[in-house]
Amino acid sequence: MPDAAMNDMNRAHTAVIHALIAAPISKSRDVACKLRVLADLVEGDEGGVLVHEEDMLVACLHDLGALRIRDALTLGFGWVESIYGDLLQLRGGGFSELDVAG
Protein backbone atom coordinates (compact mmCIF):
# COMPACT_ATOMS: atom_id res chain seq x y z
CA MET A 1 0.00 0.00 0.00
CA PRO A 2 1.35 3.47 -0.81
CA ASP A 3 2.83 5.44 2.07
CA ALA A 4 0.36 8.31 1.64
CA ALA A 5 -2.59 5.94 1.98
CA MET A 6 -1.10 4.34 5.10
CA ASN A 7 -0.49 7.76 6.62
CA ASP A 8 -4.11 8.72 5.96
CA MET A 9 -5.32 5.50 7.59
CA ASN A 10 -3.14 6.12 10.65
CA ARG A 11 -4.42 9.69 10.96
CA ALA A 12 -8.02 8.47 10.70
CA HIS A 13 -7.40 5.81 13.36
CA THR A 14 -5.85 8.40 15.65
CA ALA A 15 -8.81 10.75 15.16
CA VAL A 16 -11.28 7.99 16.03
CA ILE A 17 -9.37 6.99 19.17
CA HIS A 18 -9.11 10.60 20.35
CA ALA A 19 -12.85 11.08 19.75
CA LEU A 20 -13.56 7.97 21.83
CA ILE A 21 -11.26 9.19 24.60
CA ALA A 22 -13.11 12.51 24.75
CA ALA A 23 -16.59 11.02 24.38
CA PRO A 24 -18.86 11.74 27.35
CA ILE A 25 -20.25 8.86 29.37
CA SER A 26 -23.62 8.62 31.04
CA LYS A 27 -23.96 4.95 31.92
CA SER A 28 -21.90 1.85 32.64
CA ARG A 29 -22.30 0.64 29.07
CA ASP A 30 -20.37 3.69 27.80
CA VAL A 31 -17.42 2.88 30.06
CA ALA A 32 -17.58 -0.78 29.02
CA CYS A 33 -17.33 0.25 25.36
CA LYS A 34 -14.23 2.33 26.11
CA LEU A 35 -12.72 -0.62 27.98
CA ARG A 36 -13.34 -2.85 24.95
CA VAL A 37 -11.51 -0.37 22.73
CA LEU A 38 -8.65 -0.34 25.26
CA ALA A 39 -8.52 -4.14 25.14
CA ASP A 40 -8.32 -4.00 21.34
CA LEU A 41 -5.46 -1.51 21.57
CA VAL A 42 -3.60 -3.74 24.02
CA GLU A 43 -4.13 -6.82 21.84
CA GLY A 44 -3.27 -5.12 18.56
CA ASP A 45 0.10 -5.75 16.99
CA GLU A 46 -0.20 -2.90 14.51
CA GLY A 47 2.50 -0.27 14.61
CA GLY A 48 1.58 2.98 16.31
CA VAL A 49 -1.43 1.57 18.15
CA LEU A 50 0.45 1.33 21.44
CA VAL A 51 0.78 5.11 21.51
CA HIS A 52 -2.91 5.43 22.41
CA GLU A 53 -3.07 2.79 25.17
CA GLU A 54 -2.07 5.08 28.02
CA ASP A 55 -4.47 7.88 27.03
CA MET A 56 -7.36 5.45 26.69
CA LEU A 57 -6.52 3.81 30.04
CA VAL A 58 -6.53 7.19 31.79
CA ALA A 59 -9.86 8.10 30.17
CA CYS A 60 -11.42 4.75 31.14
CA LEU A 61 -10.33 4.99 34.76
CA HIS A 62 -11.43 8.61 35.05
CA ASP A 63 -14.79 7.95 33.42
CA LEU A 64 -15.49 4.89 35.56
CA GLY A 65 -14.60 6.79 38.74
CA ALA A 66 -16.65 9.81 37.70
CA LEU A 67 -19.65 7.62 36.86
CA ARG A 68 -19.56 5.89 40.24
CA ILE A 69 -19.15 9.21 42.05
CA ARG A 70 -22.09 10.72 40.16
CA ASP A 71 -24.14 7.65 41.09
CA ALA A 72 -23.20 8.14 44.75
CA LEU A 73 -24.19 11.82 44.60
CA THR A 74 -27.53 10.86 43.09
CA LEU A 75 -28.10 8.53 46.03
CA GLY A 76 -27.44 11.39 48.46
CA PHE A 77 -23.85 10.77 49.50
CA GLY A 78 -22.84 14.46 49.45
CA TRP A 79 -19.38 13.89 50.95
CA VAL A 80 -18.38 12.38 47.63
CA GLU A 81 -18.67 15.76 45.91
CA SER A 82 -15.27 16.97 47.14
CA ILE A 83 -13.64 13.74 45.94
CA TYR A 84 -15.16 14.24 42.48
CA GLY A 85 -13.78 17.79 42.35
CA ASP A 86 -10.33 16.49 43.28
CA LEU A 87 -10.59 13.80 40.60
CA LEU A 88 -11.39 16.36 37.93
CA GLN A 89 -8.48 18.57 39.04
CA LEU A 90 -6.13 15.59 38.98
CA ARG A 91 -7.14 14.68 35.42
CA GLY A 92 -6.79 18.30 34.34
CA GLY A 93 -3.26 18.50 35.78
CA GLY A 94 -4.34 20.61 38.75
CA PHE A 95 -2.21 18.57 41.13
CA SER A 96 1.47 17.93 40.58
CA GLU A 97 1.43 14.97 42.96
CA LEU A 98 -0.96 13.29 45.35
CA ASP A 99 -0.73 14.06 49.04
CA VAL A 100 -0.72 10.55 50.47
CA ALA A 101 0.39 11.65 53.94
CA GLY A 102 -3.02 13.23 54.42
PDB file of N, CA and C in Angstrom:
ATOM      1  N   MET A   1       0.853  -1.177   0.000  1.00  0.00           N
ATOM      2  CA  MET A   1       0.000   0.000   0.000  1.00  0.00           C
ATOM      3  C   MET A   1       0.897   1.238   0.000  1.00  0.00           C
ATOM      4  N   PRO A   2       0.533   2.246  -0.755  1.00  0.00           N
ATOM      5  CA  PRO A   2       1.348   3.470  -0.812  1.00  0.00           C
ATOM      6  C   PRO A   2       1.446   4.144   0.559  1.00  0.00           C
ATOM      7  N   ASP A   3       2.588   4.779   0.782  1.00  0.00           N
ATOM      8  CA  ASP A   3       2.826   5.444   2.065  1.00  0.00           C
ATOM      9  C   ASP A   3       1.767   6.491   2.384  1.00  0.00           C
ATOM     10  N   ALA A   4       1.353   7.253   1.396  1.00  0.00           N
ATOM     11  CA  ALA A   4       0.362   8.306   1.635  1.00  0.00           C
ATOM     12  C   ALA A   4      -0.955   7.711   2.131  1.00  0.00           C
ATOM     13  N   ALA A   5      -1.350   6.590   1.553  1.00  0.00           N
ATOM     14  CA  ALA A   5      -2.592   5.939   1.978  1.00  0.00           C
ATOM     15  C   ALA A   5      -2.469   5.418   3.406  1.00  0.00           C
ATOM     16  N   MET A   6      -1.322   4.832   3.735  1.00  0.00           N
ATOM     17  CA  MET A   6      -1.102   4.340   5.097  1.00  0.00           C
ATOM     18  C   MET A   6      -1.108   5.490   6.099  1.00  0.00           C
ATOM     19  N   ASN A   7      -0.493   6.592   5.735  1.00  0.00           N
ATOM     20  CA  ASN A   7      -0.488   7.760   6.622  1.00  0.00           C
ATOM     21  C   ASN A   7      -1.906   8.267   6.866  1.00  0.00           C
ATOM     22  N   ASP A   8      -2.719   8.295   5.811  1.00  0.00           N
ATOM     23  CA  ASP A   8      -4.112   8.722   5.958  1.00  0.00           C
ATOM     24  C   ASP A   8      -4.886   7.775   6.876  1.00  0.00           C
ATOM     25  N   MET A   9      -4.648   6.483   6.735  1.00  0.00           N
ATOM     26  CA  MET A   9      -5.319   5.503   7.592  1.00  0.00           C
ATOM     27  C   MET A   9      -4.900   5.674   9.047  1.00  0.00           C
ATOM     28  N   ASN A  10      -3.615   5.911   9.279  1.00  0.00           N
ATOM     29  CA  ASN A  10      -3.137   6.120  10.649  1.00  0.00           C
ATOM     30  C   ASN A  10      -3.733   7.381  11.259  1.00  0.00           C
ATOM     31  N   ARG A  11      -3.818   8.451  10.465  1.00  0.00           N
ATOM     32  CA  ARG A  11      -4.421   9.694  10.964  1.00  0.00           C
ATOM     33  C   ARG A  11      -5.900   9.490  11.293  1.00  0.00           C
ATOM     34  N   ALA A  12      -6.598   8.743  10.451  1.00  0.00           N
ATOM     35  CA  ALA A  12      -8.018   8.475  10.702  1.00  0.00           C
ATOM     36  C   ALA A  12      -8.191   7.648  11.976  1.00  0.00           C
ATOM     37  N   HIS A  13      -7.346   6.642  12.152  1.00  0.00           N
ATOM     38  CA  HIS A  13      -7.400   5.807  13.357  1.00  0.00           C
ATOM     39  C   HIS A  13      -7.155   6.658  14.593  1.00  0.00           C
ATOM     40  N   THR A  14      -6.162   7.517  14.527  1.00  0.00           N
ATOM     41  CA  THR A  14      -5.847   8.395  15.654  1.00  0.00           C
ATOM     42  C   THR A  14      -7.023   9.313  15.968  1.00  0.00           C
ATOM     43  N   ALA A  15      -7.660   9.856  14.947  1.00  0.00           N
ATOM     44  CA  ALA A  15      -8.807  10.746  15.156  1.00  0.00           C
ATOM     45  C   ALA A  15      -9.961  10.008  15.836  1.00  0.00           C
ATOM     46  N   VAL A  16     -10.205   8.774  15.424  1.00  0.00           N
ATOM     47  CA  VAL A  16     -11.284   7.989  16.031  1.00  0.00           C
ATOM     48  C   VAL A  16     -10.974   7.700  17.497  1.00  0.00           C
ATOM     49  N   ILE A  17      -9.746   7.291  17.786  1.00  0.00           N
ATOM     50  CA  ILE A  17      -9.366   6.986  19.169  1.00  0.00           C
ATOM     51  C   ILE A  17      -9.490   8.233  20.038  1.00  0.00           C
ATOM     52  N   HIS A  18      -9.024   9.363  19.558  1.00  0.00           N
ATOM     53  CA  HIS A  18      -9.112  10.598  20.349  1.00  0.00           C
ATOM     54  C   HIS A  18     -10.568  11.015  20.561  1.00  0.00           C
ATOM     55  N   ALA A  19     -11.421  10.778  19.579  1.00  0.00           N
ATOM     56  CA  ALA A  19     -12.848  11.075  19.750  1.00  0.00           C
ATOM     57  C   ALA A  19     -13.463  10.165  20.807  1.00  0.00           C
ATOM     58  N   LEU A  20     -13.064   8.900  20.815  1.00  0.00           N
ATOM     59  CA  LEU A  20     -13.562   7.974  21.832  1.00  0.00           C
ATOM     60  C   LEU A  20     -13.061   8.352  23.223  1.00  0.00           C
ATOM     61  N   ILE A  21     -11.815   8.774  23.315  1.00  0.00           N
ATOM     62  CA  ILE A  21     -11.257   9.190  24.601  1.00  0.00           C
ATOM     63  C   ILE A  21     -12.057  10.363  25.164  1.00  0.00           C
ATOM     64  N   ALA A  22     -12.408  11.303  24.310  1.00  0.00           N
ATOM     65  CA  ALA A  22     -13.107  12.513  24.755  1.00  0.00           C
ATOM     66  C   ALA A  22     -14.619  12.332  24.864  1.00  0.00           C
ATOM     67  N   ALA A  23     -15.142  11.219  24.385  1.00  0.00           N
ATOM     68  CA  ALA A  23     -16.593  11.021  24.378  1.00  0.00           C
ATOM     69  C   ALA A  23     -17.150  11.011  25.796  1.00  0.00           C
ATOM     70  N   PRO A  24     -18.249  11.732  26.020  1.00  0.00           N
ATOM     71  CA  PRO A  24     -18.856  11.744  27.352  1.00  0.00           C
ATOM     72  C   PRO A  24     -19.505  10.398  27.667  1.00  0.00           C
ATOM     73  N   ILE A  25     -19.610  10.102  28.942  1.00  0.00           N
ATOM     74  CA  ILE A  25     -20.251   8.863  29.373  1.00  0.00           C
ATOM     75  C   ILE A  25     -21.441   9.217  30.257  1.00  0.00           C
ATOM     76  N   SER A  26     -22.464   8.390  30.186  1.00  0.00           N
ATOM     77  CA  SER A  26     -23.625   8.625  31.039  1.00  0.00           C
ATOM     78  C   SER A  26     -24.107   7.348  31.713  1.00  0.00           C
ATOM     79  N   LYS A  27     -23.563   6.210  31.298  1.00  0.00           N
ATOM     80  CA  LYS A  27     -23.958   4.947  31.916  1.00  0.00           C
ATOM     81  C   LYS A  27     -22.811   3.947  31.836  1.00  0.00           C
ATOM     82  N   SER A  28     -22.950   2.874  32.574  1.00  0.00           N
ATOM     83  CA  SER A  28     -21.898   1.853  32.643  1.00  0.00           C
ATOM     84  C   SER A  28     -21.547   1.300  31.271  1.00  0.00           C
ATOM     85  N   ARG A  29     -22.531   1.179  30.405  1.00  0.00           N
ATOM     86  CA  ARG A  29     -22.301   0.641  29.066  1.00  0.00           C
ATOM     87  C   ARG A  29     -21.284   1.483  28.296  1.00  0.00           C
ATOM     88  N   ASP A  30     -21.321   2.808  28.487  1.00  0.00           N
ATOM     89  CA  ASP A  30     -20.372   3.692  27.799  1.00  0.00           C
ATOM     90  C   ASP A  30     -18.940   3.404  28.237  1.00  0.00           C
ATOM     91  N   VAL A  31     -18.758   3.201  29.543  1.00  0.00           N
ATOM     92  CA  VAL A  31     -17.423   2.882  30.058  1.00  0.00           C
ATOM     93  C   VAL A  31     -16.987   1.517  29.541  1.00  0.00           C
ATOM     94  N   ALA A  32     -17.908   0.559  29.518  1.00  0.00           N
ATOM     95  CA  ALA A  32     -17.579  -0.782  29.023  1.00  0.00           C
ATOM     96  C   ALA A  32     -17.115  -0.734  27.567  1.00  0.00           C
ATOM     97  N   CYS A  33     -17.749   0.110  26.767  1.00  0.00           N
ATOM     98  CA  CYS A  33     -17.326   0.248  25.361  1.00  0.00           C
ATOM     99  C   CYS A  33     -15.905   0.795  25.272  1.00  0.00           C
ATOM    100  N   LYS A  34     -15.597   1.784  26.109  1.00  0.00           N
ATOM    101  CA  LYS A  34     -14.232   2.327  26.105  1.00  0.00           C
ATOM    102  C   LYS A  34     -13.231   1.268  26.553  1.00  0.00           C
ATOM    103  N   LEU A  35     -13.615   0.443  27.529  1.00  0.00           N
ATOM    104  CA  LEU A  35     -12.721  -0.618  27.984  1.00  0.00           C
ATOM    105  C   LEU A  35     -12.493  -1.655  26.885  1.00  0.00           C
ATOM    106  N   ARG A  36     -13.510  -1.925  26.084  1.00  0.00           N
ATOM    107  CA  ARG A  36     -13.338  -2.853  24.954  1.00  0.00           C
ATOM    108  C   ARG A  36     -12.357  -2.296  23.924  1.00  0.00           C
ATOM    109  N   VAL A  37     -12.457  -1.005  23.663  1.00  0.00           N
ATOM    110  CA  VAL A  37     -11.512  -0.368  22.735  1.00  0.00           C
ATOM    111  C   VAL A  37     -10.104  -0.460  23.307  1.00  0.00           C
ATOM    112  N   LEU A  38      -9.964  -0.217  24.619  1.00  0.00           N
ATOM    113  CA  LEU A  38      -8.654  -0.341  25.261  1.00  0.00           C
ATOM    114  C   LEU A  38      -8.112  -1.756  25.098  1.00  0.00           C
ATOM    115  N   ALA A  39      -8.960  -2.755  25.302  1.00  0.00           N
ATOM    116  CA  ALA A  39      -8.520  -4.145  25.137  1.00  0.00           C
ATOM    117  C   ALA A  39      -8.047  -4.401  23.711  1.00  0.00           C
ATOM    118  N   ASP A  40      -8.750  -3.853  22.735  1.00  0.00           N
ATOM    119  CA  ASP A  40      -8.323  -4.001  21.337  1.00  0.00           C
ATOM    120  C   ASP A  40      -6.970  -3.340  21.102  1.00  0.00           C
ATOM    121  N   LEU A  41      -6.758  -2.184  21.724  1.00  0.00           N
ATOM    122  CA  LEU A  41      -5.465  -1.506  21.570  1.00  0.00           C
ATOM    123  C   LEU A  41      -4.342  -2.329  22.187  1.00  0.00           C
ATOM    124  N   VAL A  42      -4.617  -2.927  23.345  1.00  0.00           N
ATOM    125  CA  VAL A  42      -3.599  -3.738  24.022  1.00  0.00           C
ATOM    126  C   VAL A  42      -3.285  -4.980  23.201  1.00  0.00           C
ATOM    127  N   GLU A  43      -4.316  -5.595  22.628  1.00  0.00           N
ATOM    128  CA  GLU A  43      -4.132  -6.816  21.840  1.00  0.00           C
ATOM    129  C   GLU A  43      -3.485  -6.571  20.490  1.00  0.00           C
ATOM    130  N   GLY A  44      -3.716  -5.395  19.917  1.00  0.00           N
ATOM    131  CA  GLY A  44      -3.270  -5.118  18.558  1.00  0.00           C
ATOM    132  C   GLY A  44      -1.761  -5.140  18.408  1.00  0.00           C
ATOM    133  N   ASP A  45      -1.326  -5.696  17.302  1.00  0.00           N
ATOM    134  CA  ASP A  45       0.103  -5.746  16.992  1.00  0.00           C
ATOM    135  C   ASP A  45       0.495  -4.678  15.985  1.00  0.00           C
ATOM    136  N   GLU A  46      -0.473  -3.884  15.544  1.00  0.00           N
ATOM    137  CA  GLU A  46      -0.200  -2.901  14.512  1.00  0.00           C
ATOM    138  C   GLU A  46       0.726  -1.811  15.049  1.00  0.00           C
ATOM    139  N   GLY A  47       1.595  -1.332  14.209  1.00  0.00           N
ATOM    140  CA  GLY A  47       2.504  -0.268  14.614  1.00  0.00           C
ATOM    141  C   GLY A  47       1.757   1.010  14.925  1.00  0.00           C
ATOM    142  N   GLY A  48       2.173   1.702  15.958  1.00  0.00           N
ATOM    143  CA  GLY A  48       1.584   2.981  16.311  1.00  0.00           C
ATOM    144  C   GLY A  48       0.381   2.889  17.225  1.00  0.00           C
ATOM    145  N   VAL A  49      -0.237   1.718  17.320  1.00  0.00           N
ATOM    146  CA  VAL A  49      -1.433   1.571  18.147  1.00  0.00           C
ATOM    147  C   VAL A  49      -1.093   1.744  19.620  1.00  0.00           C
ATOM    148  N   LEU A  50       0.067   1.275  20.029  1.00  0.00           N
ATOM    149  CA  LEU A  50       0.446   1.334  21.438  1.00  0.00           C
ATOM    150  C   LEU A  50       0.510   2.756  21.971  1.00  0.00           C
ATOM    151  N   VAL A  51       0.686   3.715  21.101  1.00  0.00           N
ATOM    152  CA  VAL A  51       0.778   5.114  21.505  1.00  0.00           C
ATOM    153  C   VAL A  51      -0.492   5.551  22.231  1.00  0.00           C
ATOM    154  N   HIS A  52      -1.631   4.988  21.876  1.00  0.00           N
ATOM    155  CA  HIS A  52      -2.912   5.431  22.413  1.00  0.00           C
ATOM    156  C   HIS A  52      -3.350   4.676  23.664  1.00  0.00           C
ATOM    157  N   GLU A  53      -2.659   3.607  24.030  1.00  0.00           N
ATOM    158  CA  GLU A  53      -3.070   2.793  25.171  1.00  0.00           C
ATOM    159  C   GLU A  53      -3.154   3.607  26.457  1.00  0.00           C
ATOM    160  N   GLU A  54      -2.118   4.349  26.756  1.00  0.00           N
ATOM    161  CA  GLU A  54      -2.071   5.081  28.024  1.00  0.00           C
ATOM    162  C   GLU A  54      -3.185   6.120  28.105  1.00  0.00           C
ATOM    163  N   ASP A  55      -3.402   6.866  27.025  1.00  0.00           N
ATOM    164  CA  ASP A  55      -4.465   7.875  27.026  1.00  0.00           C
ATOM    165  C   ASP A  55      -5.836   7.239  27.214  1.00  0.00           C
ATOM    166  N   MET A  56      -6.078   6.118  26.555  1.00  0.00           N
ATOM    167  CA  MET A  56      -7.364   5.446  26.691  1.00  0.00           C
ATOM    168  C   MET A  56      -7.531   4.874  28.097  1.00  0.00           C
ATOM    169  N   LEU A  57      -6.457   4.344  28.674  1.00  0.00           N
ATOM    170  CA  LEU A  57      -6.524   3.814  30.036  1.00  0.00           C
ATOM    171  C   LEU A  57      -6.885   4.916  31.025  1.00  0.00           C
ATOM    172  N   VAL A  58      -6.235   6.060  30.908  1.00  0.00           N
ATOM    173  CA  VAL A  58      -6.527   7.193  31.792  1.00  0.00           C
ATOM    174  C   VAL A  58      -7.984   7.615  31.640  1.00  0.00           C
ATOM    175  N   ALA A  59      -8.461   7.702  30.407  1.00  0.00           N
ATOM    176  CA  ALA A  59      -9.856   8.099  30.168  1.00  0.00           C
ATOM    177  C   ALA A  59     -10.826   7.084  30.766  1.00  0.00           C
ATOM    178  N   CYS A  60     -10.537   5.799  30.596  1.00  0.00           N
ATOM    179  CA  CYS A  60     -11.416   4.753  31.136  1.00  0.00           C
ATOM    180  C   CYS A  60     -11.493   4.821  32.652  1.00  0.00           C
ATOM    181  N   LEU A  61     -10.344   4.940  33.294  1.00  0.00           N
ATOM    182  CA  LEU A  61     -10.328   4.990  34.758  1.00  0.00           C
ATOM    183  C   LEU A  61     -11.030   6.236  35.273  1.00  0.00           C
ATOM    184  N   HIS A  62     -10.770   7.368  34.643  1.00  0.00           N
ATOM    185  CA  HIS A  62     -11.431   8.607  35.052  1.00  0.00           C
ATOM    186  C   HIS A  62     -12.944   8.496  34.869  1.00  0.00           C
ATOM    187  N   ASP A  63     -13.361   8.024  33.706  1.00  0.00           N
ATOM    188  CA  ASP A  63     -14.790   7.953  33.416  1.00  0.00           C
ATOM    189  C   ASP A  63     -15.511   6.982  34.344  1.00  0.00           C
ATOM    190  N   LEU A  64     -14.882   5.853  34.645  1.00  0.00           N
ATOM    191  CA  LEU A  64     -15.489   4.892  35.561  1.00  0.00           C
ATOM    192  C   LEU A  64     -15.620   5.504  36.952  1.00  0.00           C
ATOM    193  N   GLY A  65     -14.550   6.140  37.429  1.00  0.00           N
ATOM    194  CA  GLY A  65     -14.603   6.789  38.739  1.00  0.00           C
ATOM    195  C   GLY A  65     -15.646   7.889  38.782  1.00  0.00           C
ATOM    196  N   ALA A  66     -15.685   8.713  37.749  1.00  0.00           N
ATOM    197  CA  ALA A  66     -16.650   9.813  37.702  1.00  0.00           C
ATOM    198  C   ALA A  66     -18.082   9.285  37.665  1.00  0.00           C
ATOM    199  N   LEU A  67     -18.313   8.208  36.923  1.00  0.00           N
ATOM    200  CA  LEU A  67     -19.649   7.619  36.856  1.00  0.00           C
ATOM    201  C   LEU A  67     -20.088   7.126  38.229  1.00  0.00           C
ATOM    202  N   ARG A  68     -19.216   6.420  38.921  1.00  0.00           N
ATOM    203  CA  ARG A  68     -19.563   5.894  40.244  1.00  0.00           C
ATOM    204  C   ARG A  68     -19.782   7.024  41.247  1.00  0.00           C
ATOM    205  N   ILE A  69     -18.989   8.069  41.144  1.00  0.00           N
ATOM    206  CA  ILE A  69     -19.151   9.205  42.049  1.00  0.00           C
ATOM    207  C   ILE A  69     -20.472   9.913  41.761  1.00  0.00           C
ATOM    208  N   ARG A  70     -20.796  10.099  40.500  1.00  0.00           N
ATOM    209  CA  ARG A  70     -22.092  10.716  40.163  1.00  0.00           C
ATOM    210  C   ARG A  70     -23.247   9.861  40.668  1.00  0.00           C
ATOM    211  N   ASP A  71     -23.107   8.541  40.561  1.00  0.00           N
ATOM    212  CA  ASP A  71     -24.140   7.646  41.094  1.00  0.00           C
ATOM    213  C   ASP A  71     -24.292   7.834  42.600  1.00  0.00           C
ATOM    214  N   ALA A  72     -23.164   7.949  43.299  1.00  0.00           N
ATOM    215  CA  ALA A  72     -23.204   8.143  44.754  1.00  0.00           C
ATOM    216  C   ALA A  72     -23.857   9.472  45.108  1.00  0.00           C
ATOM    217  N   LEU A  73     -23.565  10.518  44.350  1.00  0.00           N
ATOM    218  CA  LEU A  73     -24.190  11.820  44.597  1.00  0.00           C
ATOM    219  C   LEU A  73     -25.697  11.750  44.385  1.00  0.00           C
ATOM    220  N   THR A  74     -26.108  11.019  43.366  1.00  0.00           N
ATOM    221  CA  THR A  74     -27.534  10.857  43.088  1.00  0.00           C
ATOM    222  C   THR A  74     -28.239  10.165  44.245  1.00  0.00           C
ATOM    223  N   LEU A  75     -27.525   9.261  44.900  1.00  0.00           N
ATOM    224  CA  LEU A  75     -28.103   8.534  46.032  1.00  0.00           C
ATOM    225  C   LEU A  75     -28.052   9.335  47.330  1.00  0.00           C
ATOM    226  N   GLY A  76     -27.445  10.529  47.284  1.00  0.00           N
ATOM    227  CA  GLY A  76     -27.444  11.391  48.458  1.00  0.00           C
ATOM    228  C   GLY A  76     -26.176  11.358  49.288  1.00  0.00           C
ATOM    229  N   PHE A  77     -25.119  10.795  48.774  1.00  0.00           N
ATOM    230  CA  PHE A  77     -23.855  10.774  49.501  1.00  0.00           C
ATOM    231  C   PHE A  77     -23.064  12.033  49.156  1.00  0.00           C
ATOM    232  N   GLY A  78     -23.415  13.160  49.777  1.00  0.00           N
ATOM    233  CA  GLY A  78     -22.838  14.460  49.450  1.00  0.00           C
ATOM    234  C   GLY A  78     -21.353  14.583  49.703  1.00  0.00           C
ATOM    235  N   TRP A  79     -20.811  13.800  50.638  1.00  0.00           N
ATOM    236  CA  TRP A  79     -19.382  13.889  50.946  1.00  0.00           C
ATOM    237  C   TRP A  79     -18.527  13.506  49.745  1.00  0.00           C
ATOM    238  N   VAL A  80     -19.124  12.824  48.803  1.00  0.00           N
ATOM    239  CA  VAL A  80     -18.382  12.377  47.626  1.00  0.00           C
ATOM    240  C   VAL A  80     -18.067  13.548  46.708  1.00  0.00           C
ATOM    241  N   GLU A  81     -18.816  14.635  46.822  1.00  0.00           N
ATOM    242  CA  GLU A  81     -18.666  15.760  45.908  1.00  0.00           C
ATOM    243  C   GLU A  81     -17.256  16.327  45.912  1.00  0.00           C
ATOM    244  N   SER A  82     -16.628  16.428  47.090  1.00  0.00           N
ATOM    245  CA  SER A  82     -15.266  16.968  47.143  1.00  0.00           C
ATOM    246  C   SER A  82     -14.272  16.018  46.481  1.00  0.00           C
ATOM    247  N   ILE A  83     -14.514  14.718  46.593  1.00  0.00           N
ATOM    248  CA  ILE A  83     -13.636  13.742  45.941  1.00  0.00           C
ATOM    249  C   ILE A  83     -13.743  13.886  44.424  1.00  0.00           C
ATOM    250  N   TYR A  84     -14.960  14.083  43.916  1.00  0.00           N
ATOM    251  CA  TYR A  84     -15.164  14.242  42.480  1.00  0.00           C
ATOM    252  C   TYR A  84     -14.437  15.477  41.972  1.00  0.00           C
ATOM    253  N   GLY A  85     -14.502  16.577  42.732  1.00  0.00           N
ATOM    254  CA  GLY A  85     -13.780  17.791  42.351  1.00  0.00           C
ATOM    255  C   GLY A  85     -12.283  17.551  42.290  1.00  0.00           C
ATOM    256  N   ASP A  86     -11.755  16.822  43.279  1.00  0.00           N
ATOM    257  CA  ASP A  86     -10.328  16.491  43.282  1.00  0.00           C
ATOM    258  C   ASP A  86      -9.969  15.619  42.088  1.00  0.00           C
ATOM    259  N   LEU A  87     -10.834  14.680  41.744  1.00  0.00           N
ATOM    260  CA  LEU A  87     -10.594  13.796  40.605  1.00  0.00           C
ATOM    261  C   LEU A  87     -10.508  14.589  39.311  1.00  0.00           C
ATOM    262  N   LEU A  88     -11.413  15.544  39.140  1.00  0.00           N
ATOM    263  CA  LEU A  88     -11.386  16.363  37.933  1.00  0.00           C
ATOM    264  C   LEU A  88     -10.128  17.218  37.874  1.00  0.00           C
ATOM    265  N   GLN A  89      -9.709  17.765  39.013  1.00  0.00           N
ATOM    266  CA  GLN A  89      -8.484  18.568  39.039  1.00  0.00           C
ATOM    267  C   GLN A  89      -7.269  17.707  38.727  1.00  0.00           C
ATOM    268  N   LEU A  90      -7.251  16.489  39.234  1.00  0.00           N
ATOM    269  CA  LEU A  90      -6.129  15.590  38.981  1.00  0.00           C
ATOM    270  C   LEU A  90      -6.033  15.274  37.495  1.00  0.00           C
ATOM    271  N   ARG A  91      -7.162  14.986  36.851  1.00  0.00           N
ATOM    272  CA  ARG A  91      -7.139  14.677  35.420  1.00  0.00           C
ATOM    273  C   ARG A  91      -6.711  15.898  34.623  1.00  0.00           C
ATOM    274  N   GLY A  92      -7.124  17.080  35.057  1.00  0.00           N
ATOM    275  CA  GLY A  92      -6.787  18.301  34.341  1.00  0.00           C
ATOM    276  C   GLY A  92      -5.389  18.808  34.631  1.00  0.00           C
ATOM    277  N   GLY A  93      -4.624  18.088  35.457  1.00  0.00           N
ATOM    278  CA  GLY A  93      -3.264  18.502  35.777  1.00  0.00           C
ATOM    279  C   GLY A  93      -3.201  19.523  36.900  1.00  0.00           C
ATOM    280  N   GLY A  94      -4.291  19.641  37.662  1.00  0.00           N
ATOM    281  CA  GLY A  94      -4.345  20.612  38.751  1.00  0.00           C
ATOM    282  C   GLY A  94      -3.446  20.265  39.918  1.00  0.00           C
ATOM    283  N   PHE A  95      -3.097  19.004  40.064  1.00  0.00           N
ATOM    284  CA  PHE A  95      -2.206  18.570  41.132  1.00  0.00           C
ATOM    285  C   PHE A  95      -0.909  18.069  40.508  1.00  0.00           C
ATOM    286  N   SER A  96       0.207  18.443  41.101  1.00  0.00           N
ATOM    287  CA  SER A  96       1.471  17.928  40.580  1.00  0.00           C
ATOM    288  C   SER A  96       1.771  16.554  41.163  1.00  0.00           C
ATOM    289  N   GLU A  97       1.264  16.296  42.359  1.00  0.00           N
ATOM    290  CA  GLU A  97       1.426  14.975  42.962  1.00  0.00           C
ATOM    291  C   GLU A  97       0.339  14.789  44.002  1.00  0.00           C
ATOM    292  N   LEU A  98       0.056  13.564  44.342  1.00  0.00           N
ATOM    293  CA  LEU A  98      -0.961  13.286  45.346  1.00  0.00           C
ATOM    294  C   LEU A  98      -0.372  13.415  46.741  1.00  0.00           C
ATOM    295  N   ASP A  99      -1.150  13.956  47.651  1.00  0.00           N
ATOM    296  CA  ASP A  99      -0.727  14.062  49.042  1.00  0.00           C
ATOM    297  C   ASP A  99      -1.193  12.810  49.768  1.00  0.00           C
ATOM    298  N   VAL A 100      -0.329  11.812  49.847  1.00  0.00           N
ATOM    299  CA  VAL A 100      -0.716  10.555  50.472  1.00  0.00           C
ATOM    300  C   VAL A 100      -0.546  10.589  51.980  1.00  0.00           C
ATOM    301  N   ALA A 101       0.184  11.570  52.494  1.00  0.00           N
ATOM    302  CA  ALA A 101       0.390  11.654  53.935  1.00  0.00           C
ATOM    303  C   ALA A 101      -0.884  12.120  54.630  1.00  0.00           C
ATOM    304  N   GLY A 102      -1.740  12.831  53.891  1.00  0.00           N
ATOM    305  CA  GLY A 102      -3.024  13.228  54.424  1.00  0.00           C
ATOM    306  C   GLY A 102      -2.973  14.462  55.222  1.00  0.00           C
TER     307      GLY A 102
END
